[in-house]
N, C-alpha and C. Protein backbone atom coordinates (compact mmCIF):
# COMPACT_ATOMS: atom_id res chain seq x y z
N MET A 1 0.84 -1.20 0.00
CA MET A 1 0.00 0.00 0.00
C MET A 1 0.87 1.24 0.00
N ARG A 2 1.94 1.18 0.92
CA ARG A 2 2.85 2.31 0.98
C ARG A 2 3.58 2.48 -0.33
N THR A 3 3.88 1.36 -0.96
CA THR A 3 4.60 1.41 -2.24
C THR A 3 3.74 2.08 -3.30
N ARG A 4 2.43 1.79 -3.27
CA ARG A 4 1.53 2.38 -4.26
C ARG A 4 1.44 3.88 -4.06
N LYS A 5 1.32 4.33 -2.79
CA LYS A 5 1.23 5.75 -2.51
C LYS A 5 2.52 6.45 -2.92
N SER A 6 3.65 5.80 -2.65
CA SER A 6 4.93 6.38 -3.03
C SER A 6 5.02 6.58 -4.54
N ALA A 7 4.50 5.59 -5.25
CA ALA A 7 4.53 5.69 -6.72
C ALA A 7 3.66 6.83 -7.19
N GLU A 8 2.46 7.00 -6.55
CA GLU A 8 1.57 8.09 -6.95
C GLU A 8 2.22 9.43 -6.68
N ARG A 9 2.91 9.54 -5.50
CA ARG A 9 3.59 10.79 -5.19
C ARG A 9 4.68 11.08 -6.22
N ALA A 10 5.36 10.04 -6.62
CA ALA A 10 6.43 10.22 -7.61
C ALA A 10 5.88 10.73 -8.93
N VAL A 11 4.75 10.19 -9.34
CA VAL A 11 4.12 10.62 -10.58
C VAL A 11 3.68 12.07 -10.48
N MET A 12 3.04 12.42 -9.35
CA MET A 12 2.58 13.79 -9.15
C MET A 12 3.75 14.76 -9.14
N ARG A 13 4.85 14.33 -8.48
CA ARG A 13 6.04 15.17 -8.45
C ARG A 13 6.59 15.38 -9.85
N ALA A 14 6.55 14.34 -10.65
CA ALA A 14 7.05 14.44 -12.03
C ALA A 14 6.20 15.41 -12.84
N TYR A 15 4.85 15.29 -12.68
CA TYR A 15 3.95 16.22 -13.38
C TYR A 15 4.22 17.66 -12.98
N PHE A 16 4.41 17.83 -11.64
CA PHE A 16 4.65 19.19 -11.13
C PHE A 16 5.94 19.76 -11.69
N LEU A 17 6.99 18.94 -11.67
CA LEU A 17 8.28 19.40 -12.21
C LEU A 17 8.17 19.71 -13.70
N ALA A 18 7.40 18.89 -14.44
CA ALA A 18 7.22 19.14 -15.88
C ALA A 18 6.49 20.46 -16.11
N ALA A 19 5.46 20.71 -15.27
CA ALA A 19 4.72 21.97 -15.41
C ALA A 19 5.61 23.16 -15.12
N VAL A 20 6.44 23.04 -14.07
CA VAL A 20 7.37 24.13 -13.73
C VAL A 20 8.33 24.38 -14.87
N MET A 21 8.84 23.31 -15.47
CA MET A 21 9.78 23.46 -16.58
C MET A 21 9.12 24.17 -17.76
N VAL A 22 7.84 23.82 -18.05
CA VAL A 22 7.11 24.47 -19.14
C VAL A 22 7.00 25.97 -18.89
N VAL A 23 6.66 26.33 -17.64
CA VAL A 23 6.53 27.75 -17.29
C VAL A 23 7.85 28.46 -17.44
N ILE A 24 8.91 27.81 -16.97
CA ILE A 24 10.25 28.43 -17.06
C ILE A 24 10.67 28.63 -18.51
N LEU A 25 10.45 27.58 -19.32
CA LEU A 25 10.83 27.69 -20.73
C LEU A 25 10.02 28.76 -21.45
N ALA A 26 8.72 28.83 -21.15
CA ALA A 26 7.88 29.85 -21.77
C ALA A 26 8.34 31.24 -21.38
N SER A 27 8.71 31.38 -20.12
CA SER A 27 9.19 32.69 -19.66
C SER A 27 10.48 33.06 -20.36
N LEU A 28 11.38 32.08 -20.48
CA LEU A 28 12.64 32.35 -21.19
C LEU A 28 12.39 32.72 -22.63
N ALA A 29 11.48 31.98 -23.29
CA ALA A 29 11.18 32.27 -24.69
C ALA A 29 10.59 33.66 -24.82
N ALA A 30 9.69 34.02 -23.91
CA ALA A 30 9.09 35.37 -23.96
C ALA A 30 10.15 36.43 -23.78
N GLY A 31 11.09 36.16 -22.86
CA GLY A 31 12.17 37.12 -22.65
C GLY A 31 13.03 37.29 -23.87
N ILE A 32 13.35 36.18 -24.54
CA ILE A 32 14.16 36.25 -25.76
C ILE A 32 13.42 37.00 -26.84
N THR A 33 12.11 36.69 -26.99
CA THR A 33 11.31 37.37 -28.01
C THR A 33 11.25 38.87 -27.75
N ALA A 34 11.01 39.22 -26.49
CA ALA A 34 10.93 40.64 -26.14
C ALA A 34 12.25 41.34 -26.45
N ARG A 35 13.36 40.70 -26.07
CA ARG A 35 14.66 41.30 -26.37
C ARG A 35 14.89 41.42 -27.86
N ALA A 36 14.42 40.40 -28.63
CA ALA A 36 14.59 40.45 -30.08
C ALA A 36 13.82 41.61 -30.68
N VAL A 37 12.58 41.83 -30.18
CA VAL A 37 11.76 42.93 -30.70
C VAL A 37 12.40 44.26 -30.36
N ILE A 38 12.88 44.39 -29.11
CA ILE A 38 13.54 45.64 -28.70
C ILE A 38 14.77 45.91 -29.55
N GLU A 39 15.55 44.84 -29.82
CA GLU A 39 16.75 45.01 -30.63
C GLU A 39 16.40 45.40 -32.06
N LEU A 40 15.31 44.80 -32.61
CA LEU A 40 14.88 45.14 -33.96
C LEU A 40 14.45 46.60 -34.03
N GLU A 41 13.67 47.03 -33.03
CA GLU A 41 13.23 48.44 -33.01
C GLU A 41 14.42 49.38 -32.92
N ARG A 42 15.42 49.00 -32.10
CA ARG A 42 16.61 49.85 -31.97
C ARG A 42 17.34 49.99 -33.30
N ARG A 43 17.48 48.88 -34.03
CA ARG A 43 18.17 48.93 -35.32
C ARG A 43 17.40 49.77 -36.33
N VAL A 44 16.06 49.60 -36.36
CA VAL A 44 15.24 50.39 -37.28
C VAL A 44 15.36 51.88 -36.97
N ASN A 45 15.31 52.22 -35.66
CA ASN A 45 15.42 53.62 -35.27
C ASN A 45 16.78 54.19 -35.61
N ASP A 46 17.84 53.37 -35.45
CA ASP A 46 19.18 53.81 -35.84
C ASP A 46 19.24 54.11 -37.32
N SER A 47 18.58 53.25 -38.15
CA SER A 47 18.55 53.48 -39.59
C SER A 47 17.79 54.76 -39.91
N ALA A 48 16.70 55.00 -39.20
CA ALA A 48 15.93 56.22 -39.43
C ALA A 48 16.75 57.44 -39.10
N ALA A 49 17.53 57.38 -38.00
CA ALA A 49 18.37 58.52 -37.64
C ALA A 49 19.43 58.77 -38.68
N ALA A 50 19.97 57.68 -39.26
CA ALA A 50 21.01 57.85 -40.29
C ALA A 50 20.45 58.48 -41.54
N VAL A 51 19.19 58.14 -41.91
CA VAL A 51 18.57 58.68 -43.13
C VAL A 51 18.12 60.10 -42.94
N THR A 52 17.45 60.37 -41.80
CA THR A 52 16.84 61.69 -41.60
C THR A 52 17.75 62.68 -40.90
N GLY A 53 18.83 62.15 -40.26
CA GLY A 53 19.75 63.05 -39.56
C GLY A 53 19.27 63.40 -38.17
N ARG A 54 18.25 62.69 -37.65
CA ARG A 54 17.77 62.98 -36.31
C ARG A 54 17.39 61.66 -35.65
N ALA A 55 17.55 61.62 -34.33
CA ALA A 55 17.23 60.41 -33.58
C ALA A 55 15.73 60.29 -33.42
N GLU A 56 15.24 59.06 -33.52
CA GLU A 56 13.82 58.80 -33.37
C GLU A 56 13.58 58.16 -32.01
N PRO A 57 12.45 58.42 -31.35
CA PRO A 57 12.13 57.75 -30.09
C PRO A 57 12.11 56.24 -30.28
N GLU A 58 12.62 55.54 -29.28
CA GLU A 58 12.70 54.09 -29.42
C GLU A 58 11.34 53.42 -29.32
N ASP A 59 10.34 54.13 -28.78
CA ASP A 59 9.05 53.49 -28.57
C ASP A 59 8.07 53.70 -29.71
N THR A 60 8.52 54.25 -30.83
CA THR A 60 7.62 54.46 -31.96
C THR A 60 8.35 54.38 -33.27
N LEU A 61 7.69 53.81 -34.29
CA LEU A 61 8.23 53.72 -35.63
C LEU A 61 7.44 54.59 -36.59
N ALA A 62 6.50 55.39 -36.08
CA ALA A 62 5.61 56.17 -36.95
C ALA A 62 6.35 57.12 -37.89
N PRO A 63 7.37 57.89 -37.41
CA PRO A 63 8.04 58.82 -38.34
C PRO A 63 8.69 58.11 -39.51
N LEU A 64 9.35 56.98 -39.25
CA LEU A 64 9.99 56.24 -40.34
C LEU A 64 8.96 55.73 -41.32
N THR A 65 7.85 55.19 -40.82
CA THR A 65 6.80 54.69 -41.70
C THR A 65 6.22 55.80 -42.55
N ALA A 66 5.97 56.96 -41.94
CA ALA A 66 5.41 58.08 -42.69
C ALA A 66 6.36 58.53 -43.79
N GLU A 67 7.66 58.52 -43.48
CA GLU A 67 8.64 58.95 -44.48
C GLU A 67 8.68 57.99 -45.67
N ILE A 68 8.60 56.71 -45.40
CA ILE A 68 8.60 55.72 -46.48
C ILE A 68 7.36 55.89 -47.35
N ASP A 69 6.20 56.08 -46.73
CA ASP A 69 4.97 56.26 -47.49
C ASP A 69 5.05 57.50 -48.37
N LEU A 70 5.63 58.58 -47.86
CA LEU A 70 5.75 59.81 -48.63
C LEU A 70 6.66 59.60 -49.82
N GLU A 71 7.75 58.88 -49.62
CA GLU A 71 8.67 58.63 -50.73
C GLU A 71 8.01 57.78 -51.80
N GLN A 72 7.24 56.77 -51.37
CA GLN A 72 6.53 55.94 -52.33
C GLN A 72 5.51 56.75 -53.10
N LEU A 73 4.85 57.67 -52.41
CA LEU A 73 3.87 58.53 -53.07
C LEU A 73 4.53 59.39 -54.12
N ARG A 74 5.70 59.93 -53.81
CA ARG A 74 6.42 60.76 -54.77
C ARG A 74 6.81 59.98 -56.01
N GLU A 75 7.22 58.70 -55.79
CA GLU A 75 7.64 57.89 -56.92
C GLU A 75 6.47 57.48 -57.80
N GLU A 76 5.29 57.28 -57.19
CA GLU A 76 4.15 56.79 -57.94
C GLU A 76 3.33 57.89 -58.59
N THR A 77 3.53 59.16 -58.17
CA THR A 77 2.77 60.27 -58.71
C THR A 77 3.52 60.90 -59.86
N GLU A 78 2.93 60.86 -61.03
CA GLU A 78 3.57 61.43 -62.20
C GLU A 78 3.11 62.87 -62.42
N PRO A 79 4.00 63.71 -62.91
CA PRO A 79 3.59 65.08 -63.22
C PRO A 79 2.49 65.08 -64.29
N VAL A 80 1.65 66.09 -64.27
CA VAL A 80 0.53 66.18 -65.19
C VAL A 80 0.85 67.17 -66.30
N SER A 81 0.62 66.76 -67.55
CA SER A 81 0.82 67.64 -68.69
C SER A 81 -0.12 68.84 -68.59
N ARG A 82 0.35 69.99 -69.05
CA ARG A 82 -0.50 71.19 -69.00
C ARG A 82 -1.70 71.07 -69.95
N TYR A 83 -1.67 70.09 -70.84
CA TYR A 83 -2.77 69.89 -71.78
C TYR A 83 -3.70 68.77 -71.35
N ALA A 84 -3.52 68.26 -70.14
CA ALA A 84 -4.31 67.11 -69.69
C ALA A 84 -5.80 67.41 -69.66
N GLY A 85 -6.17 68.67 -69.51
CA GLY A 85 -7.58 69.02 -69.46
C GLY A 85 -8.25 69.10 -70.81
N ILE A 86 -7.47 68.99 -71.89
CA ILE A 86 -8.03 69.04 -73.24
C ILE A 86 -8.47 67.64 -73.66
N THR A 87 -9.65 67.53 -74.18
CA THR A 87 -10.11 66.25 -74.72
C THR A 87 -10.36 66.41 -76.22
N PHE A 88 -10.10 65.35 -76.96
CA PHE A 88 -10.37 65.39 -78.39
C PHE A 88 -10.76 64.00 -78.88
N THR A 89 -11.53 63.97 -79.92
CA THR A 89 -12.04 62.71 -80.47
C THR A 89 -10.98 62.09 -81.39
N GLU A 90 -11.24 60.86 -81.81
CA GLU A 90 -10.33 60.21 -82.76
C GLU A 90 -10.28 60.99 -84.08
N GLN A 91 -11.42 61.56 -84.46
CA GLN A 91 -11.44 62.35 -85.69
C GLN A 91 -10.58 63.60 -85.54
N GLU A 92 -10.66 64.24 -84.39
CA GLU A 92 -9.83 65.43 -84.15
C GLU A 92 -8.36 65.06 -84.07
N GLU A 93 -8.08 63.89 -83.53
CA GLU A 93 -6.69 63.42 -83.50
C GLU A 93 -6.16 63.28 -84.93
N TYR A 94 -6.99 62.73 -85.81
CA TYR A 94 -6.58 62.58 -87.20
C TYR A 94 -6.42 63.95 -87.87
N MET A 95 -7.25 64.90 -87.50
CA MET A 95 -7.09 66.27 -88.01
C MET A 95 -5.72 66.82 -87.64
N LEU A 96 -5.32 66.58 -86.41
CA LEU A 96 -4.00 67.05 -85.96
C LEU A 96 -2.89 66.35 -86.73
N ASP A 97 -3.04 65.03 -86.95
CA ASP A 97 -2.05 64.29 -87.74
C ASP A 97 -1.89 64.92 -89.12
N CYS A 98 -3.03 65.22 -89.74
CA CYS A 98 -3.02 65.80 -91.09
C CYS A 98 -2.44 67.21 -91.08
N LEU A 99 -2.76 67.97 -90.04
CA LEU A 99 -2.23 69.33 -89.95
C LEU A 99 -0.71 69.32 -89.82
N VAL A 100 -0.20 68.43 -88.99
CA VAL A 100 1.26 68.32 -88.84
C VAL A 100 1.89 67.93 -90.17
N TYR A 101 1.26 67.02 -90.89
CA TYR A 101 1.77 66.60 -92.20
C TYR A 101 1.89 67.79 -93.14
N HIS A 102 0.84 68.58 -93.24
CA HIS A 102 0.84 69.69 -94.18
C HIS A 102 1.72 70.85 -93.71
N GLU A 103 1.71 71.13 -92.43
CA GLU A 103 2.41 72.31 -91.93
C GLU A 103 3.89 72.08 -91.63
N ALA A 104 4.26 70.85 -91.27
CA ALA A 104 5.61 70.69 -90.73
C ALA A 104 6.27 69.36 -91.05
N ARG A 105 5.81 68.64 -92.07
CA ARG A 105 6.40 67.32 -92.31
C ARG A 105 7.88 67.39 -92.68
N GLY A 106 8.33 68.53 -93.19
CA GLY A 106 9.75 68.67 -93.51
C GLY A 106 10.57 69.27 -92.39
N GLU A 107 9.93 69.53 -91.24
CA GLU A 107 10.60 70.15 -90.10
C GLU A 107 11.13 69.09 -89.13
N PRO A 108 12.03 69.49 -88.25
CA PRO A 108 12.48 68.56 -87.20
C PRO A 108 11.29 68.11 -86.35
N PHE A 109 11.45 66.96 -85.71
CA PHE A 109 10.37 66.44 -84.88
C PHE A 109 9.93 67.47 -83.84
N GLU A 110 10.88 68.17 -83.26
CA GLU A 110 10.57 69.19 -82.26
C GLU A 110 9.66 70.27 -82.87
N GLY A 111 9.92 70.62 -84.13
CA GLY A 111 9.08 71.61 -84.80
C GLY A 111 7.68 71.09 -85.06
N GLN A 112 7.54 69.80 -85.33
CA GLN A 112 6.22 69.21 -85.53
C GLN A 112 5.43 69.21 -84.21
N VAL A 113 6.12 68.90 -83.14
CA VAL A 113 5.48 68.93 -81.82
C VAL A 113 5.01 70.35 -81.49
N ALA A 114 5.84 71.33 -81.80
CA ALA A 114 5.50 72.73 -81.50
C ALA A 114 4.25 73.18 -82.26
N VAL A 115 4.06 72.70 -83.48
CA VAL A 115 2.86 73.03 -84.24
C VAL A 115 1.62 72.54 -83.51
N VAL A 116 1.67 71.33 -82.99
CA VAL A 116 0.53 70.79 -82.23
C VAL A 116 0.32 71.61 -80.96
N GLU A 117 1.40 72.01 -80.33
CA GLU A 117 1.28 72.82 -79.12
C GLU A 117 0.54 74.12 -79.41
N VAL A 118 0.80 74.71 -80.58
CA VAL A 118 0.10 75.95 -80.95
C VAL A 118 -1.40 75.72 -80.97
N VAL A 119 -1.82 74.59 -81.52
CA VAL A 119 -3.26 74.28 -81.54
C VAL A 119 -3.78 74.14 -80.12
N PHE A 120 -3.08 73.38 -79.29
CA PHE A 120 -3.53 73.19 -77.90
C PHE A 120 -3.52 74.51 -77.13
N ASN A 121 -2.50 75.34 -77.38
CA ASN A 121 -2.44 76.64 -76.70
C ASN A 121 -3.66 77.50 -77.06
N ARG A 122 -4.09 77.40 -78.32
CA ARG A 122 -5.28 78.15 -78.73
C ARG A 122 -6.54 77.60 -78.06
N VAL A 123 -6.62 76.29 -77.92
CA VAL A 123 -7.78 75.71 -77.25
C VAL A 123 -7.88 76.23 -75.81
N LEU A 124 -6.74 76.39 -75.16
CA LEU A 124 -6.73 76.86 -73.78
C LEU A 124 -6.88 78.37 -73.66
N SER A 125 -6.62 79.08 -74.74
CA SER A 125 -6.67 80.55 -74.71
C SER A 125 -8.12 81.06 -74.77
N PRO A 126 -8.42 82.12 -74.05
CA PRO A 126 -9.78 82.69 -74.11
C PRO A 126 -10.05 83.43 -75.42
N TYR A 127 -9.02 83.60 -76.24
CA TYR A 127 -9.17 84.37 -77.48
C TYR A 127 -9.45 83.49 -78.71
N PHE A 128 -9.52 82.18 -78.50
CA PHE A 128 -9.72 81.26 -79.61
C PHE A 128 -10.80 80.24 -79.25
N PRO A 129 -11.28 79.46 -80.21
CA PRO A 129 -12.31 78.45 -79.92
C PRO A 129 -11.85 77.43 -78.89
N ASP A 130 -12.80 76.65 -78.41
CA ASP A 130 -12.53 75.74 -77.28
C ASP A 130 -12.26 74.30 -77.67
N THR A 131 -12.35 73.97 -78.96
CA THR A 131 -12.12 72.59 -79.37
C THR A 131 -11.05 72.54 -80.45
N VAL A 132 -10.44 71.37 -80.58
CA VAL A 132 -9.39 71.19 -81.59
C VAL A 132 -9.95 71.44 -82.99
N GLU A 133 -11.11 70.88 -83.30
CA GLU A 133 -11.69 71.04 -84.63
C GLU A 133 -11.97 72.51 -84.95
N GLU A 134 -12.56 73.22 -84.00
CA GLU A 134 -12.89 74.63 -84.23
C GLU A 134 -11.65 75.48 -84.41
N VAL A 135 -10.59 75.14 -83.67
CA VAL A 135 -9.33 75.89 -83.82
C VAL A 135 -8.75 75.67 -85.20
N ILE A 136 -8.69 74.41 -85.64
CA ILE A 136 -8.08 74.10 -86.93
C ILE A 136 -8.84 74.74 -88.09
N PHE A 137 -10.16 74.77 -87.98
CA PHE A 137 -10.98 75.28 -89.09
C PHE A 137 -11.46 76.73 -88.86
N GLN A 138 -10.84 77.43 -87.94
CA GLN A 138 -11.24 78.81 -87.70
C GLN A 138 -10.84 79.72 -88.87
N LYS A 139 -11.70 80.67 -89.17
CA LYS A 139 -11.43 81.66 -90.22
C LYS A 139 -11.61 83.07 -89.66
N TYR A 140 -10.77 83.99 -90.14
CA TYR A 140 -10.98 85.41 -89.89
C TYR A 140 -11.43 86.02 -91.21
N GLY A 141 -12.71 86.27 -91.33
CA GLY A 141 -13.24 86.70 -92.62
C GLY A 141 -13.15 85.54 -93.59
N ASP A 142 -12.42 85.73 -94.67
CA ASP A 142 -12.23 84.66 -95.66
C ASP A 142 -10.89 83.95 -95.51
N VAL A 143 -10.17 84.28 -94.46
CA VAL A 143 -8.81 83.74 -94.30
C VAL A 143 -8.81 82.63 -93.25
N TRP A 144 -8.33 81.46 -93.66
CA TRP A 144 -8.19 80.34 -92.73
C TRP A 144 -7.02 80.63 -91.78
N GLN A 145 -7.21 80.32 -90.52
CA GLN A 145 -6.11 80.48 -89.55
C GLN A 145 -4.98 79.49 -89.85
N PHE A 146 -5.33 78.30 -90.29
CA PHE A 146 -4.34 77.32 -90.72
C PHE A 146 -4.60 77.07 -92.21
N SER A 147 -3.69 77.50 -93.04
CA SER A 147 -3.91 77.49 -94.49
C SER A 147 -4.24 76.12 -95.07
N PRO A 148 -3.76 74.99 -94.51
CA PRO A 148 -4.11 73.69 -95.09
C PRO A 148 -5.54 73.23 -94.79
N ALA A 149 -6.28 73.99 -93.98
CA ALA A 149 -7.62 73.55 -93.56
C ALA A 149 -8.51 73.13 -94.73
N PRO A 150 -8.55 73.89 -95.86
CA PRO A 150 -9.47 73.50 -96.95
C PRO A 150 -9.12 72.16 -97.60
N TYR A 151 -7.85 71.78 -97.54
CA TYR A 151 -7.45 70.50 -98.16
C TYR A 151 -6.80 69.57 -97.12
N LEU A 152 -7.23 69.70 -95.89
CA LEU A 152 -6.60 68.99 -94.78
C LEU A 152 -6.51 67.49 -95.03
N TYR A 153 -7.60 66.90 -95.55
CA TYR A 153 -7.66 65.44 -95.64
C TYR A 153 -6.96 64.88 -96.88
N THR A 154 -6.22 65.69 -97.57
CA THR A 154 -5.37 65.16 -98.63
C THR A 154 -4.04 64.67 -98.06
N ALA A 155 -3.86 64.87 -96.79
CA ALA A 155 -2.61 64.49 -96.14
C ALA A 155 -2.45 62.98 -96.05
N GLU A 156 -1.22 62.57 -95.96
CA GLU A 156 -0.89 61.16 -95.72
C GLU A 156 0.07 61.09 -94.54
N PRO A 157 -0.45 61.33 -93.33
CA PRO A 157 0.42 61.41 -92.15
C PRO A 157 1.14 60.09 -91.87
N ASN A 158 2.37 60.21 -91.44
CA ASN A 158 3.17 59.02 -91.10
C ASN A 158 3.29 58.90 -89.58
N GLU A 159 4.07 57.93 -89.13
CA GLU A 159 4.20 57.68 -87.69
C GLU A 159 4.82 58.86 -86.98
N THR A 160 5.73 59.56 -87.63
CA THR A 160 6.37 60.71 -87.01
C THR A 160 5.35 61.82 -86.77
N ASN A 161 4.50 62.09 -87.77
CA ASN A 161 3.47 63.11 -87.61
C ASN A 161 2.51 62.74 -86.47
N CYS A 162 2.09 61.49 -86.45
CA CYS A 162 1.17 61.03 -85.41
C CYS A 162 1.84 61.06 -84.03
N GLY A 163 3.12 60.69 -84.01
CA GLY A 163 3.86 60.72 -82.74
C GLY A 163 4.00 62.12 -82.19
N ALA A 164 4.10 63.10 -83.07
CA ALA A 164 4.22 64.49 -82.63
C ALA A 164 2.99 64.94 -81.87
N VAL A 165 1.82 64.45 -82.29
CA VAL A 165 0.57 64.82 -81.62
C VAL A 165 0.59 64.36 -80.17
N TRP A 166 0.96 63.09 -79.97
CA TRP A 166 0.95 62.57 -78.60
C TRP A 166 2.13 63.06 -77.79
N ALA A 167 3.23 63.35 -78.44
CA ALA A 167 4.36 63.93 -77.72
C ALA A 167 3.98 65.30 -77.17
N ALA A 168 3.22 66.06 -77.96
CA ALA A 168 2.77 67.38 -77.50
C ALA A 168 1.75 67.23 -76.37
N TYR A 169 0.80 66.32 -76.54
CA TYR A 169 -0.28 66.18 -75.57
C TYR A 169 0.23 65.68 -74.23
N ARG A 170 1.16 64.75 -74.25
CA ARG A 170 1.68 64.17 -73.02
C ARG A 170 2.93 64.88 -72.52
N GLY A 171 3.38 65.87 -73.26
CA GLY A 171 4.65 66.51 -72.94
C GLY A 171 4.69 67.14 -71.57
N LEU A 172 5.72 66.81 -70.79
CA LEU A 172 5.92 67.39 -69.48
C LEU A 172 6.97 68.49 -69.52
N ASP A 173 7.61 68.65 -70.64
CA ASP A 173 8.60 69.71 -70.83
C ASP A 173 8.29 70.41 -72.15
N PRO A 174 7.24 71.23 -72.18
CA PRO A 174 6.76 71.82 -73.44
C PRO A 174 7.83 72.64 -74.16
N ILE A 175 7.69 72.70 -75.47
CA ILE A 175 8.63 73.44 -76.31
C ILE A 175 8.27 74.92 -76.35
N THR A 176 6.99 75.21 -76.40
CA THR A 176 6.52 76.59 -76.48
C THR A 176 5.93 77.04 -75.16
N THR A 177 5.70 78.34 -75.04
CA THR A 177 4.97 78.87 -73.89
C THR A 177 3.47 78.75 -74.17
N LEU A 178 2.67 78.85 -73.13
CA LEU A 178 1.22 78.78 -73.32
C LEU A 178 0.69 79.94 -74.16
N GLU A 179 1.43 81.04 -74.18
CA GLU A 179 1.00 82.22 -74.95
C GLU A 179 1.37 82.11 -76.43
N THR A 180 2.09 81.06 -76.79
CA THR A 180 2.50 80.89 -78.19
C THR A 180 1.34 80.35 -79.01
N VAL A 181 0.74 81.20 -79.83
CA VAL A 181 -0.44 80.80 -80.59
C VAL A 181 -0.29 81.06 -82.08
N TYR A 182 0.91 81.46 -82.50
CA TYR A 182 1.15 81.70 -83.93
C TYR A 182 2.45 81.01 -84.36
N PHE A 183 2.48 80.58 -85.61
CA PHE A 183 3.74 80.14 -86.21
C PHE A 183 3.65 80.42 -87.71
N SER A 184 4.79 80.71 -88.28
CA SER A 184 4.84 81.00 -89.71
C SER A 184 6.30 80.95 -90.16
N THR A 185 6.51 81.04 -91.47
CA THR A 185 7.88 81.04 -92.00
C THR A 185 8.56 82.40 -91.82
N SER A 186 7.80 83.39 -91.35
CA SER A 186 8.35 84.70 -91.00
C SER A 186 7.69 85.13 -89.70
N PRO A 187 8.32 86.00 -88.91
CA PRO A 187 7.75 86.39 -87.62
C PRO A 187 6.36 87.01 -87.77
N TYR A 188 5.41 86.53 -86.98
CA TYR A 188 4.06 87.08 -87.00
C TYR A 188 4.03 88.43 -86.29
N ASN A 189 4.84 88.54 -85.24
CA ASN A 189 4.97 89.79 -84.50
C ASN A 189 6.35 89.81 -83.84
N GLU A 190 6.54 90.72 -82.92
CA GLU A 190 7.85 90.86 -82.27
C GLU A 190 8.01 89.91 -81.08
N HIS A 191 6.95 89.22 -80.71
CA HIS A 191 7.01 88.36 -79.53
C HIS A 191 7.38 86.93 -79.92
N ILE A 192 8.58 86.76 -80.37
CA ILE A 192 9.05 85.43 -80.82
C ILE A 192 9.45 84.61 -79.59
N SER A 193 8.84 83.46 -79.43
CA SER A 193 9.17 82.60 -78.29
C SER A 193 10.25 81.59 -78.64
N THR A 194 10.26 81.11 -79.90
CA THR A 194 11.30 80.18 -80.33
C THR A 194 11.30 80.09 -81.86
N ILE A 195 12.41 79.66 -82.38
CA ILE A 195 12.54 79.41 -83.82
C ILE A 195 13.01 77.97 -83.99
N ILE A 196 12.24 77.19 -84.75
CA ILE A 196 12.59 75.79 -84.98
C ILE A 196 12.53 75.53 -86.48
N GLY A 197 13.62 75.10 -87.04
CA GLY A 197 13.66 74.86 -88.48
C GLY A 197 13.32 76.13 -89.23
N GLY A 198 12.32 76.05 -90.10
CA GLY A 198 11.92 77.21 -90.88
C GLY A 198 10.74 77.96 -90.31
N HIS A 199 10.37 77.68 -89.05
CA HIS A 199 9.20 78.32 -88.46
C HIS A 199 9.56 79.23 -87.28
N TYR A 200 8.91 80.38 -87.27
CA TYR A 200 8.97 81.29 -86.12
C TYR A 200 7.70 81.07 -85.30
N PHE A 201 7.86 80.84 -84.02
CA PHE A 201 6.73 80.65 -83.13
C PHE A 201 6.59 81.90 -82.26
N CYS A 202 5.41 82.52 -82.31
CA CYS A 202 5.22 83.81 -81.65
C CYS A 202 4.09 83.76 -80.63
N GLU A 203 4.25 84.58 -79.60
CA GLU A 203 3.22 84.69 -78.58
C GLU A 203 2.18 85.72 -78.99
N ILE A 204 1.03 85.65 -78.33
CA ILE A 204 -0.04 86.59 -78.60
C ILE A 204 0.39 87.98 -78.14
N ASP A 205 -0.06 89.00 -78.85
CA ASP A 205 0.32 90.38 -78.52
C ASP A 205 -0.16 90.74 -77.13
């Protein structure tokens, strides 16, 4: 009987010791984890201080996170073309292709882009019509503003002419000023903004 009780006590003692060991190991693991987290935060904060030139509180990572988000935002946000507010149909796009062909097919690509910019500048100007089609086909009395307008669709625009249209529309570094609304083989007025190839580009008076 005594032997049986002794055996039961031994088993209970073993269970108790096992439970104590589990608690001790869990506590040690928690301590290691806590130290690991503290060490990770310290390293991150040290990196933040090296990047920003200032020490960050050890109990927060918010400034570093905010800085990363801002940098990502800057990288993902593209500048907007000044012509982004202009809309035109496929037919108007083809009109521009044809206009570039007639007005500037023998000019440098930059000069072809500038011709399209003149059209867009007029669309944005309060002194000219509000659409691409109306600008291209505008007349003062019996005089067409763009001389090829009456025979516009005889053009055979190529990839360069078409590319000039989109280069102008998407351009983030425009060739002309917004006030540039004239171009010709001779100066339209004294306000010359640029000369490209055989064309003088002039601003409105």
